[in-house]
Amino acid sequence: MIVRGGPERTTVCLENIVWRALKEVAAEQGKTHHQLVMEIDRARTSNRSAAIRVYLIEYYRAALERARAALSG
């Protein structure tokens, strides 16, 4: 994927499963995957690919916590 962040363009290489997860999360949030990548990019402290992976792991961990809380509550 080519990402535009102002005047520069860059590519992001991710595994297919990560792309699918990114697109699913973006759709759930009512965004395009490009919009979500740009949000992640603005907040990142590591390289872009790692930041996307960390974001997705944190997203799914939070979803798991909510599901556990709903089951126990």
PDB file of N, CA and C in Angstrom:
ATOM      1  N   MET A   1       0.843  -1.182   0.000  1.00  0.00           N
ATOM      2  CA  MET A   1       0.000   0.000   0.000  1.00  0.00           C
ATOM      3  C   MET A   1       0.882   1.237   0.000  1.00  0.00           C
ATOM      4  N   ILE A   2       0.503   2.209  -0.763  1.00  0.00           N
ATOM      5  CA  ILE A   2       1.212   3.488  -0.764  1.00  0.00           C
ATOM      6  C   ILE A   2       0.457   4.434   0.149  1.00  0.00           C
ATOM      7  N   VAL A   3       1.188   5.077   1.039  1.00  0.00           N
ATOM      8  CA  VAL A   3       0.590   5.986   2.019  1.00  0.00           C
ATOM      9  C   VAL A   3       1.066   7.390   1.723  1.00  0.00           C
ATOM     10  N   ARG A   4       0.147   8.319   1.687  1.00  0.00           N
ATOM     11  CA  ARG A   4       0.501   9.733   1.531  1.00  0.00           C
ATOM     12  C   ARG A   4       0.345  10.415   2.875  1.00  0.00           C
ATOM     13  N   GLY A   5       1.374  11.078   3.295  1.00  0.00           N
ATOM     14  CA  GLY A   5       1.318  11.848   4.529  1.00  0.00           C
ATOM     15  C   GLY A   5       1.903  13.210   4.250  1.00  0.00           C
ATOM     16  N   GLY A   6       1.143  14.054   3.594  1.00  0.00           N
ATOM     17  CA  GLY A   6       1.685  15.330   3.159  1.00  0.00           C
ATOM     18  C   GLY A   6       2.303  15.139   1.784  1.00  0.00           C
ATOM     19  N   PRO A   7       3.449  15.739   1.537  1.00  0.00           N
ATOM     20  CA  PRO A   7       4.033  15.664   0.198  1.00  0.00           C
ATOM     21  C   PRO A   7       4.733  14.334  -0.096  1.00  0.00           C
ATOM     22  N   GLU A   8       5.052  13.561   0.940  1.00  0.00           N
ATOM     23  CA  GLU A   8       5.792  12.326   0.714  1.00  0.00           C
ATOM     24  C   GLU A   8       4.853  11.143   0.518  1.00  0.00           C
ATOM     25  N   ARG A   9       5.368  10.123  -0.137  1.00  0.00           N
ATOM     26  CA  ARG A   9       4.664   8.857  -0.305  1.00  0.00           C
ATOM     27  C   ARG A   9       5.589   7.771   0.202  1.00  0.00           C
ATOM     28  N   THR A  10       4.995   6.747   0.768  1.00  0.00           N
ATOM     29  CA  THR A  10       5.793   5.625   1.246  1.00  0.00           C
ATOM     30  C   THR A  10       4.973   4.356   1.108  1.00  0.00           C
ATOM     31  N   THR A  11       5.627   3.230   1.164  1.00  0.00           N
ATOM     32  CA  THR A  11       4.916   1.964   1.090  1.00  0.00           C
ATOM     33  C   THR A  11       4.936   1.283   2.449  1.00  0.00           C
ATOM     34  N   VAL A  12       3.964   0.427   2.657  1.00  0.00           N
ATOM     35  CA  VAL A  12       3.880  -0.349   3.881  1.00  0.00           C
ATOM     36  C   VAL A  12       3.752  -1.804   3.474  1.00  0.00           C
ATOM     37  N   CYS A  13       4.627  -2.639   3.994  1.00  0.00           N
ATOM     38  CA  CYS A  13       4.569  -4.071   3.710  1.00  0.00           C
ATOM     39  C   CYS A  13       4.057  -4.795   4.952  1.00  0.00           C
ATOM     40  N   LEU A  14       2.906  -5.459   4.788  1.00  0.00           N
ATOM     41  CA  LEU A  14       2.302  -6.207   5.879  1.00  0.00           C
ATOM     42  C   LEU A  14       1.843  -7.565   5.367  1.00  0.00           C
ATOM     43  N   GLU A  15       1.747  -8.506   6.258  1.00  0.00           N
ATOM     44  CA  GLU A  15       1.243  -9.829   5.915  1.00  0.00           C
ATOM     45  C   GLU A  15      -0.242  -9.720   5.549  1.00  0.00           C
ATOM     46  N   ASN A  16      -0.722 -10.652   4.732  1.00  0.00           N
ATOM     47  CA  ASN A  16      -2.120 -10.616   4.298  1.00  0.00           C
ATOM     48  C   ASN A  16      -3.086 -10.598   5.474  1.00  0.00           C
ATOM     49  N   ILE A  17      -2.813 -11.381   6.501  1.00  0.00           N
ATOM     50  CA  ILE A  17      -3.716 -11.419   7.657  1.00  0.00           C
ATOM     51  C   ILE A  17      -3.759 -10.072   8.374  1.00  0.00           C
ATOM     52  N   VAL A  18      -2.662  -9.354   8.378  1.00  0.00           N
ATOM     53  CA  VAL A  18      -2.623  -8.029   9.007  1.00  0.00           C
ATOM     54  C   VAL A  18      -3.429  -7.040   8.167  1.00  0.00           C
ATOM     55  N   TRP A  19      -3.301  -7.119   6.844  1.00  0.00           N
ATOM     56  CA  TRP A  19      -4.103  -6.258   5.969  1.00  0.00           C
ATOM     57  C   TRP A  19      -5.587  -6.509   6.181  1.00  0.00           C
ATOM     58  N   ARG A  20      -5.979  -7.790   6.259  1.00  0.00           N
ATOM     59  CA  ARG A  20      -7.392  -8.121   6.468  1.00  0.00           C
ATOM     60  C   ARG A  20      -7.883  -7.546   7.797  1.00  0.00           C
ATOM     61  N   ALA A  21      -7.101  -7.710   8.848  1.00  0.00           N
ATOM     62  CA  ALA A  21      -7.483  -7.182  10.158  1.00  0.00           C
ATOM     63  C   ALA A  21      -7.590  -5.658  10.114  1.00  0.00           C
ATOM     64  N   LEU A  22      -6.646  -5.013   9.465  1.00  0.00           N
ATOM     65  CA  LEU A  22      -6.656  -3.556   9.358  1.00  0.00           C
ATOM     66  C   LEU A  22      -7.919  -3.085   8.644  1.00  0.00           C
ATOM     67  N   LYS A  23      -8.280  -3.747   7.562  1.00  0.00           N
ATOM     68  CA  LYS A  23      -9.480  -3.372   6.812  1.00  0.00           C
ATOM     69  C   LYS A  23     -10.739  -3.634   7.625  1.00  0.00           C
ATOM     70  N   GLU A  24     -10.775  -4.736   8.378  1.00  0.00           N
ATOM     71  CA  GLU A  24     -11.929  -5.042   9.230  1.00  0.00           C
ATOM     72  C   GLU A  24     -12.104  -3.992  10.320  1.00  0.00           C
ATOM     73  N   VAL A  25     -11.017  -3.648  10.988  1.00  0.00           N
ATOM     74  CA  VAL A  25     -11.079  -2.657  12.067  1.00  0.00           C
ATOM     75  C   VAL A  25     -11.487  -1.300  11.502  1.00  0.00           C
ATOM     76  N   ALA A  26     -10.920  -0.919  10.382  1.00  0.00           N
ATOM     77  CA  ALA A  26     -11.271   0.365   9.761  1.00  0.00           C
ATOM     78  C   ALA A  26     -12.757   0.400   9.416  1.00  0.00           C
ATOM     79  N   ALA A  27     -13.262  -0.670   8.816  1.00  0.00           N
ATOM     80  CA  ALA A  27     -14.681  -0.727   8.448  1.00  0.00           C
ATOM     81  C   ALA A  27     -15.562  -0.640   9.693  1.00  0.00           C
ATOM     82  N   GLU A  28     -15.171  -1.327  10.746  1.00  0.00           N
ATOM     83  CA  GLU A  28     -15.938  -1.285  11.992  1.00  0.00           C
ATOM     84  C   GLU A  28     -15.997   0.129  12.554  1.00  0.00           C
ATOM     85  N   GLN A  29     -14.936   0.894  12.334  1.00  0.00           N
ATOM     86  CA  GLN A  29     -14.872   2.270  12.827  1.00  0.00           C
ATOM     87  C   GLN A  29     -15.442   3.276  11.820  1.00  0.00           C
ATOM     88  N   GLY A  30     -15.930   2.781  10.676  1.00  0.00           N
ATOM     89  CA  GLY A  30     -16.498   3.674   9.661  1.00  0.00           C
ATOM     90  C   GLY A  30     -15.454   4.476   8.914  1.00  0.00           C
ATOM     91  N   LYS A  31     -14.262   3.899   8.779  1.00  0.00           N
ATOM     92  CA  LYS A  31     -13.151   4.575   8.112  1.00  0.00           C
ATOM     93  C   LYS A  31     -12.624   3.705   6.986  1.00  0.00           C
ATOM     94  N   THR A  32     -11.848   4.303   6.112  1.00  0.00           N
ATOM     95  CA  THR A  32     -11.103   3.508   5.141  1.00  0.00           C
ATOM     96  C   THR A  32      -9.827   3.032   5.814  1.00  0.00           C
ATOM     97  N   HIS A  33      -9.206   2.007   5.247  1.00  0.00           N
ATOM     98  CA  HIS A  33      -7.945   1.557   5.841  1.00  0.00           C
ATOM     99  C   HIS A  33      -6.878   2.639   5.707  1.00  0.00           C
ATOM    100  N   HIS A  34      -6.965   3.442   4.670  1.00  0.00           N
ATOM    101  CA  HIS A  34      -6.005   4.543   4.523  1.00  0.00           C
ATOM    102  C   HIS A  34      -6.172   5.555   5.663  1.00  0.00           C
ATOM    103  N   GLN A  35      -7.405   5.899   5.997  1.00  0.00           N
ATOM    104  CA  GLN A  35      -7.640   6.837   7.101  1.00  0.00           C
ATOM    105  C   GLN A  35      -7.095   6.284   8.411  1.00  0.00           C
ATOM    106  N   LEU A  36      -7.323   4.997   8.653  1.00  0.00           N
ATOM    107  CA  LEU A  36      -6.833   4.394   9.887  1.00  0.00           C
ATOM    108  C   LEU A  36      -5.311   4.384   9.922  1.00  0.00           C
ATOM    109  N   VAL A  37      -4.681   4.069   8.810  1.00  0.00           N
ATOM    110  CA  VAL A  37      -3.214   4.078   8.760  1.00  0.00           C
ATOM    111  C   VAL A  37      -2.690   5.477   9.045  1.00  0.00           C
ATOM    112  N   MET A  38      -3.342   6.495   8.519  1.00  0.00           N
ATOM    113  CA  MET A  38      -2.888   7.862   8.761  1.00  0.00           C
ATOM    114  C   MET A  38      -3.029   8.220  10.244  1.00  0.00           C
ATOM    115  N   GLU A  39      -4.097   7.772  10.906  1.00  0.00           N
ATOM    116  CA  GLU A  39      -4.251   8.005  12.349  1.00  0.00           C
ATOM    117  C   GLU A  39      -3.143   7.311  13.134  1.00  0.00           C
ATOM    118  N   ILE A  40      -2.905   6.064  12.790  1.00  0.00           N
ATOM    119  CA  ILE A  40      -1.846   5.299  13.458  1.00  0.00           C
ATOM    120  C   ILE A  40      -0.506   5.978  13.219  1.00  0.00           C
ATOM    121  N   ASP A  41      -0.286   6.435  12.010  1.00  0.00           N
ATOM    122  CA  ASP A  41       0.977   7.063  11.637  1.00  0.00           C
ATOM    123  C   ASP A  41       1.237   8.325  12.453  1.00  0.00           C
ATOM    124  N   ARG A  42       0.207   9.105  12.689  1.00  0.00           N
ATOM    125  CA  ARG A  42       0.374  10.353  13.459  1.00  0.00           C
ATOM    126  C   ARG A  42       0.796  10.083  14.899  1.00  0.00           C
ATOM    127  N   ALA A  43       0.383   8.948  15.453  1.00  0.00           N
ATOM    128  CA  ALA A  43       0.666   8.647  16.863  1.00  0.00           C
ATOM    129  C   ALA A  43       1.848   7.702  17.059  1.00  0.00           C
ATOM    130  N   ARG A  44       2.458   7.254  15.996  1.00  0.00           N
ATOM    131  CA  ARG A  44       3.462   6.192  16.127  1.00  0.00           C
ATOM    132  C   ARG A  44       4.771   6.686  16.720  1.00  0.00           C
ATOM    133  N   THR A  45       5.443   5.739  17.414  1.00  0.00           N
ATOM    134  CA  THR A  45       6.773   6.003  17.960  1.00  0.00           C
ATOM    135  C   THR A  45       7.782   4.993  17.428  1.00  0.00           C
ATOM    136  N   SER A  46       7.315   4.095  16.573  1.00  0.00           N
ATOM    137  CA  SER A  46       8.198   3.097  15.956  1.00  0.00           C
ATOM    138  C   SER A  46       7.961   3.137  14.445  1.00  0.00           C
ATOM    139  N   ASN A  47       8.535   2.180  13.724  1.00  0.00           N
ATOM    140  CA  ASN A  47       8.308   2.213  12.283  1.00  0.00           C
ATOM    141  C   ASN A  47       6.839   1.931  11.981  1.00  0.00           C
ATOM    142  N   ARG A  48       6.406   2.344  10.814  1.00  0.00           N
ATOM    143  CA  ARG A  48       4.994   2.299  10.445  1.00  0.00           C
ATOM    144  C   ARG A  48       4.411   0.891  10.508  1.00  0.00           C
ATOM    145  N   SER A  49       5.075  -0.092   9.946  1.00  0.00           N
ATOM    146  CA  SER A  49       4.561  -1.464   9.946  1.00  0.00           C
ATOM    147  C   SER A  49       4.386  -1.980  11.372  1.00  0.00           C
ATOM    148  N   ALA A  50       5.374  -1.740  12.216  1.00  0.00           N
ATOM    149  CA  ALA A  50       5.283  -2.171  13.614  1.00  0.00           C
ATOM    150  C   ALA A  50       4.154  -1.444  14.328  1.00  0.00           C
ATOM    151  N   ALA A  51       3.993  -0.163  14.066  1.00  0.00           N
ATOM    152  CA  ALA A  51       2.936   0.617  14.713  1.00  0.00           C
ATOM    153  C   ALA A  51       1.559   0.074  14.340  1.00  0.00           C
ATOM    154  N   ILE A  52       1.383  -0.327  13.098  1.00  0.00           N
ATOM    155  CA  ILE A  52       0.105  -0.896  12.660  1.00  0.00           C
ATOM    156  C   ILE A  52      -0.144  -2.217  13.376  1.00  0.00           C
ATOM    157  N   ARG A  53       0.866  -3.065  13.446  1.00  0.00           N
ATOM    158  CA  ARG A  53       0.712  -4.354  14.128  1.00  0.00           C
ATOM    159  C   ARG A  53       0.379  -4.152  15.611  1.00  0.00           C
ATOM    160  N   VAL A  54       1.075  -3.240  16.268  1.00  0.00           N
ATOM    161  CA  VAL A  54       0.828  -2.973  17.689  1.00  0.00           C
ATOM    162  C   VAL A  54      -0.586  -2.432  17.873  1.00  0.00           C
ATOM    163  N   TYR A  55      -1.013  -1.519  17.030  1.00  0.00           N
ATOM    164  CA  TYR A  55      -2.363  -0.969  17.113  1.00  0.00           C
ATOM    165  C   TYR A  55      -3.396  -2.088  17.035  1.00  0.00           C
ATOM    166  N   LEU A  56      -3.226  -2.991  16.074  1.00  0.00           N
ATOM    167  CA  LEU A  56      -4.182  -4.082  15.899  1.00  0.00           C
ATOM    168  C   LEU A  56      -4.183  -5.036  17.087  1.00  0.00           C
ATOM    169  N   ILE A  57      -3.011  -5.346  17.604  1.00  0.00           N
ATOM    170  CA  ILE A  57      -2.955  -6.220  18.782  1.00  0.00           C
ATOM    171  C   ILE A  57      -3.665  -5.555  19.955  1.00  0.00           C
ATOM    172  N   GLU A  58      -3.407  -4.278  20.185  1.00  0.00           N
ATOM    173  CA  GLU A  58      -4.062  -3.569  21.280  1.00  0.00           C
ATOM    174  C   GLU A  58      -5.572  -3.502  21.062  1.00  0.00           C
ATOM    175  N   TYR A  59      -5.996  -3.305  19.827  1.00  0.00           N
ATOM    176  CA  TYR A  59      -7.413  -3.242  19.503  1.00  0.00           C
ATOM    177  C   TYR A  59      -8.100  -4.562  19.840  1.00  0.00           C
ATOM    178  N   TYR A  60      -7.517  -5.664  19.382  1.00  0.00           N
ATOM    179  CA  TYR A  60      -8.124  -6.971  19.622  1.00  0.00           C
ATOM    180  C   TYR A  60      -8.017  -7.395  21.092  1.00  0.00           C
ATOM    181  N   ARG A  61      -6.962  -7.003  21.780  1.00  0.00           N
ATOM    182  CA  ARG A  61      -6.860  -7.292  23.217  1.00  0.00           C
ATOM    183  C   ARG A  61      -7.959  -6.556  23.986  1.00  0.00           C
ATOM    184  N   ALA A  62      -8.210  -5.304  23.620  1.00  0.00           N
ATOM    185  CA  ALA A  62      -9.278  -4.539  24.267  1.00  0.00           C
ATOM    186  C   ALA A  62     -10.638  -5.180  23.993  1.00  0.00           C
ATOM    187  N   ALA A  63     -10.842  -5.667  22.781  1.00  0.00           N
ATOM    188  CA  ALA A  63     -12.099  -6.345  22.442  1.00  0.00           C
ATOM    189  C   ALA A  63     -12.248  -7.618  23.272  1.00  0.00           C
ATOM    190  N   LEU A  64     -11.168  -8.336  23.443  1.00  0.00           N
ATOM    191  CA  LEU A  64     -11.198  -9.552  24.255  1.00  0.00           C
ATOM    192  C   LEU A  64     -11.536  -9.218  25.711  1.00  0.00           C
ATOM    193  N   GLU A  65     -10.936  -8.158  26.238  1.00  0.00           N
ATOM    194  CA  GLU A  65     -11.238  -7.726  27.611  1.00  0.00           C
ATOM    195  C   GLU A  65     -12.720  -7.369  27.764  1.00  0.00           C
ATOM    196  N   ARG A  66     -13.275  -6.664  26.773  1.00  0.00           N
ATOM    197  CA  ARG A  66     -14.694  -6.312  26.834  1.00  0.00           C
ATOM    198  C   ARG A  66     -15.566  -7.560  26.799  1.00  0.00           C
ATOM    199  N   ALA A  67     -15.202  -8.506  25.969  1.00  0.00           N
ATOM    200  CA  ALA A  67     -15.978  -9.749  25.873  1.00  0.00           C
ATOM    201  C   ALA A  67     -15.912 -10.522  27.194  1.00  0.00           C
ATOM    202  N   ARG A  68     -14.739 -10.593  27.792  1.00  0.00           N
ATOM    203  CA  ARG A  68     -14.596 -11.273  29.089  1.00  0.00           C
ATOM    204  C   ARG A  68     -15.428 -10.581  30.161  1.00  0.00           C
ATOM    205  N   ALA A  69     -15.392  -9.265  30.172  1.00  0.00           N
ATOM    206  CA  ALA A  69     -16.158  -8.510  31.158  1.00  0.00           C
ATOM    207  C   ALA A  69     -17.656  -8.732  30.969  1.00  0.00           C
ATOM    208  N   ALA A  70     -18.107  -8.798  29.730  1.00  0.00           N
ATOM    209  CA  ALA A  70     -19.526  -9.021  29.451  1.00  0.00           C
ATOM    210  C   ALA A  70     -19.951 -10.408  29.909  1.00  0.00           C
ATOM    211  N   LEU A  71     -19.081 -11.382  29.758  1.00  0.00           N
ATOM    212  CA  LEU A  71     -19.407 -12.746  30.178  1.00  0.00           C
ATOM    213  C   LEU A  71     -19.446 -12.893  31.690  1.00  0.00           C
ATOM    214  N   SER A  72     -18.591 -12.154  32.365  1.00  0.00           N
ATOM    215  CA  SER A  72     -18.518 -12.292  33.816  1.00  0.00           C
ATOM    216  C   SER A  72     -19.451 -11.329  34.553  1.00  0.00           C
ATOM    217  N   GLY A  73     -19.972 -10.342  33.832  1.00  0.00           N
ATOM    218  CA  GLY A  73     -20.762  -9.309  34.480  1.00  0.00           C
ATOM    219  C   GLY A  73     -22.199  -9.577  34.456  1.00  0.00           C
TER     220      GLY A  73
END
